[in-house]
Protein backbone atom coordinates (compact mmCIF):
# COMPACT_ATOMS: atom_id res chain seq x y z
CA UNK A 1 100.45 82.33 88.65
CA UNK A 2 98.39 81.78 91.81
CA UNK A 3 98.27 77.95 93.74
CA UNK A 4 95.39 76.94 96.38
CA UNK A 5 95.80 73.19 97.36
CA UNK A 6 92.85 71.62 98.57
CA UNK A 7 91.95 68.33 99.90
CA UNK A 8 91.92 66.04 97.05
CA UNK A 9 93.08 69.09 94.72
CA UNK A 10 95.10 71.51 93.52
CA UNK A 11 93.89 74.51 92.04
CA UNK A 12 95.62 77.48 89.54
CA UNK A 13 94.69 79.93 87.39
CA UNK A 14 96.31 81.00 83.75
CA UNK A 15 95.77 83.10 81.42
CA UNK A 16 93.18 81.52 79.40
CA UNK A 17 91.85 79.62 82.50
CA UNK A 18 92.58 78.01 85.55
CA UNK A 19 93.52 73.81 85.93
CA UNK A 20 91.79 71.98 88.19
CA UNK A 21 93.72 68.85 89.18
CA UNK A 22 91.89 66.00 91.40
CA UNK A 23 93.06 62.97 91.94
CA UNK A 24 94.99 63.27 88.87
CA UNK A 25 92.13 63.94 86.58
CA UNK A 26 92.63 66.98 85.13
CA UNK A 27 89.89 69.51 84.12
CA UNK A 28 89.71 73.34 82.92
CA UNK A 29 87.38 76.26 83.04
CA UNK A 30 86.97 78.15 80.18
CA UNK A 31 85.26 81.72 81.92
CA UNK A 32 85.30 82.99 78.35
CA UNK A 33 82.01 81.29 77.96
CA UNK A 34 80.21 82.81 80.88
CA UNK A 35 80.42 85.91 79.54
CA UNK A 36 78.02 86.29 76.36
CA UNK A 37 79.65 88.09 73.76
CA UNK A 38 83.51 88.02 74.51
CA UNK A 39 85.93 85.81 73.09
CA UNK A 40 88.59 86.32 75.79
CA UNK A 41 88.04 86.65 79.79
CA UNK A 42 90.86 84.52 81.14
CA UNK A 43 91.73 85.07 84.80
CA UNK A 44 93.56 87.79 87.04
CA UNK A 45 92.43 87.02 90.52
CA UNK A 46 91.72 83.72 92.10
CA UNK A 47 91.12 83.35 96.01
CA UNK A 48 89.04 80.66 98.34
CA UNK A 49 85.65 81.59 100.19
CA UNK A 50 85.50 80.71 103.72
CA UNK A 51 83.89 77.93 103.34
CA UNK A 52 86.59 76.44 101.44
CA UNK A 53 84.10 75.06 98.72
CA UNK A 54 84.15 77.56 96.45
CA UNK A 55 86.30 80.08 94.47
CA UNK A 56 86.07 83.69 93.74
CA UNK A 57 87.26 85.01 90.51
CA UNK A 58 88.10 88.00 88.98
CA UNK A 59 88.83 88.58 85.06
CA UNK A 60 90.33 90.25 82.69
CA UNK A 61 87.34 91.84 81.36
CA UNK A 62 87.02 92.76 85.60
CA UNK A 63 83.93 90.60 86.00
CA UNK A 64 83.47 88.29 89.32
CA UNK A 65 82.66 85.09 88.90
CA UNK A 66 82.00 82.11 91.63
CA UNK A 67 83.45 78.80 91.25
CA UNK A 68 81.73 75.89 93.08
CA UNK A 69 83.65 72.75 93.89
CA UNK A 70 82.34 69.44 94.02
CA UNK A 71 85.02 66.72 94.95
CA UNK A 72 84.03 64.11 93.01
CA UNK A 73 86.59 62.13 90.52
CA UNK A 74 84.14 61.08 88.02
CA UNK A 75 82.08 64.27 87.42
CA UNK A 76 83.86 68.19 86.39
CA UNK A 77 84.27 69.61 89.91
CA UNK A 78 82.62 73.02 89.17
CA UNK A 79 79.55 74.93 88.72
CA UNK A 80 80.37 78.47 87.94
CA UNK A 81 77.83 81.44 88.68
CA UNK A 82 78.91 85.02 87.53
CA UNK A 83 79.27 87.84 91.13
CA UNK A 84 79.20 91.12 89.62
CA UNK A 85 78.86 92.52 85.41
CA UNK A 86 82.01 94.58 85.77
CA UNK A 87 84.07 96.26 88.41
CA UNK A 88 83.53 99.06 86.40
CA UNK A 89 80.31 98.95 84.66
CA UNK A 90 77.79 96.72 83.02
CA UNK A 91 78.92 95.42 79.96
CA UNK A 92 75.12 95.20 78.59
CA UNK A 93 74.12 98.31 79.79
CA UNK A 94 75.19 101.22 77.51
CA UNK A 95 73.24 104.06 80.12
CA UNK A 96 76.34 103.14 82.21
CA UNK A 97 80.41 103.24 81.00
CA UNK A 98 81.65 100.25 79.83
CA UNK A 99 83.45 98.03 81.69
CA UNK A 100 87.63 97.72 80.98
CA UNK A 101 90.57 96.64 82.90
CA UNK A 102 91.83 93.77 84.34
CA UNK A 103 90.57 93.31 88.04
CA UNK A 104 93.65 91.69 89.85
CA UNK A 105 92.66 92.33 93.52
CA UNK A 106 89.93 90.61 95.13
CA UNK A 107 89.06 89.21 98.28
CA UNK A 108 86.00 87.21 99.51
CA UNK A 109 84.67 88.62 103.38
CA UNK A 110 85.11 85.81 105.95
CA UNK A 111 81.89 85.54 107.21
CA UNK A 112 79.54 88.42 104.68
CA UNK A 113 78.61 87.85 100.87
CA UNK A 114 80.37 90.41 100.39
CA UNK A 115 83.65 90.47 98.02
CA UNK A 116 86.68 93.27 98.17
CA UNK A 117 88.07 94.51 95.13
CA UNK A 118 90.89 96.79 93.47
CA UNK A 119 92.33 97.76 89.91
CA UNK A 120 94.12 99.98 88.04
CA UNK A 121 90.52 102.61 88.03
CA UNK A 122 92.29 103.58 91.77
CA UNK A 123 89.29 102.09 94.00
CA UNK A 124 88.39 100.33 96.47
CA UNK A 125 85.20 99.05 96.31
CA UNK A 126 83.10 96.13 98.21
CA UNK A 127 80.55 94.33 96.55
CA UNK A 128 77.34 92.74 97.81
CA UNK A 129 77.54 89.11 96.12
CA UNK A 130 73.65 88.86 97.05
CA UNK A 131 72.63 91.55 94.85
CA UNK A 132 75.93 91.89 92.46
CA UNK A 133 76.14 95.46 92.88
CA UNK A 134 78.72 97.70 94.56
CA UNK A 135 77.95 98.69 98.15
CA UNK A 136 81.19 101.22 99.32
CA UNK A 137 84.00 103.13 97.16
CA UNK A 138 86.78 104.67 98.20
CA UNK A 139 88.98 106.99 95.61
CA UNK A 140 92.37 105.78 96.30
CA UNK A 141 95.92 108.26 96.35
CA UNK A 142 97.84 105.48 94.17
CA UNK A 143 97.19 102.42 91.85
CA UNK A 144 96.40 99.70 94.06
CA UNK A 145 97.17 95.84 92.62
CA UNK A 146 96.24 93.87 95.47
CA UNK A 147 93.80 93.55 98.59
CA UNK A 148 92.84 91.28 101.23
CA UNK A 149 90.66 90.78 104.24
CA UNK A 150 91.61 90.32 107.80
CA UNK A 151 90.34 87.28 109.53
CA UNK A 152 87.84 89.21 111.79
CA UNK A 153 87.02 90.57 108.26
CA UNK A 154 87.14 94.32 109.69
CA UNK A 155 90.31 95.96 108.02
CA UNK A 156 91.59 95.68 104.75
CA UNK A 157 95.12 95.51 103.15
CA UNK A 158 95.84 96.97 100.18
CA UNK A 159 99.08 96.84 98.25
CA UNK A 160 99.61 99.34 95.09
CA UNK A 161 101.79 98.88 92.00
CA UNK A 162 104.33 101.86 93.16
CA UNK A 163 105.20 99.48 96.41
CA UNK A 164 103.54 101.04 99.11
CA UNK A 165 101.25 99.37 100.79
CA UNK A 166 97.51 100.23 103.37
CA UNK A 167 95.25 99.64 106.09
CA UNK A 168 91.85 100.74 105.99
CA UNK A 169 88.52 99.99 107.82
CA UNK A 170 86.16 98.11 106.49
CA UNK A 171 83.30 99.26 107.58
CA UNK A 172 83.85 103.70 106.59
CA UNK A 173 86.95 102.66 104.34
CA UNK A 174 88.54 105.00 105.90
CA UNK A 175 92.64 104.20 106.28
CA UNK A 176 93.61 103.17 108.90
CA UNK A 177 97.34 102.86 108.66
CA UNK A 178 99.81 105.63 107.34
CA UNK A 179 97.76 107.68 109.40
CA UNK A 180 96.29 110.18 107.31
CA UNK A 181 98.20 112.87 107.81
CA UNK A 182 101.07 111.09 106.09
CA UNK A 183 101.47 110.46 102.44
CA UNK A 184 100.59 106.91 101.66
CA UNK A 185 104.02 106.90 99.25
CA UNK A 186 105.47 107.23 102.74
CA UNK A 187 104.82 102.80 102.62
CA UNK A 188 106.70 102.34 100.35
CA UNK A 189 109.36 99.50 100.78
CA UNK A 190 110.03 98.02 97.37
CA UNK A 191 110.16 100.13 93.60
CA UNK A 192 107.81 97.37 92.23
CA UNK A 193 104.51 96.03 92.20
CA UNK A 194 103.07 94.65 95.47
CA UNK A 195 101.67 91.01 93.69
CA UNK A 196 100.48 89.44 97.19
CA UNK A 197 99.58 90.65 100.24
CA UNK A 198 98.13 88.54 103.61
CA UNK A 199 97.21 88.71 107.60
CA UNK A 200 98.09 86.39 109.53
CA UNK A 201 94.96 84.04 110.54
CA UNK A 202 95.21 85.94 114.51
CA UNK A 203 95.49 89.31 112.52
CA UNK A 204 98.92 90.16 114.06
CA UNK A 205 100.97 90.63 111.20
CA UNK A 206 100.58 91.17 107.52
CA UNK A 207 102.85 89.93 105.08
CA UNK A 208 103.68 91.85 101.84
CA UNK A 209 105.37 89.98 98.92
CA UNK A 210 106.76 92.52 96.28
CA UNK A 211 107.78 91.92 92.52
CA UNK A 212 110.86 90.50 93.49
CA UNK A 213 111.23 90.38 97.10
CA UNK A 214 109.50 89.55 100.67
């Protein structure tokens, strides 16, 4: 469960849809309504964009949506737009590999209309939200689970399913830490997957939360 607090609004995700509460009024967003032909498309990743007026959502079907928030208790505070078809491929194009898998790692760039994603296909990808296409891709040694940009947008931290974590250059996607001649698994600090990874606002620290420990 992920929880985001906003002015007059509390947002959580869930297995079926994320309830949004504003001034004790509740709305739900059923993501399946925004993916024709799919019965279930529940949320797996939830992040707030830098302007704090839009949620970036990753789903069970590896698709990415933006949920625009309108803080007005008289009407449901949402407008939903697709940002990409799928982390893995395009469901509607038979010439491309079909989408599959859950999208757990998602982070919007602090300044650009770009979104970093990671999931169990062992890739780190950067998407251009204007054109809804992948513009960068990095094959990783381990299975990633979460990712996060720093406040300047020049680094991406990635947490892995095995409990390891790494820091990558956002422009080249080359690994900055641990150094490239050091096995990535050397950064493993817990036996459980990394569920959350975040830079401090000044970029000096990196918080890494595993399944049972911080």
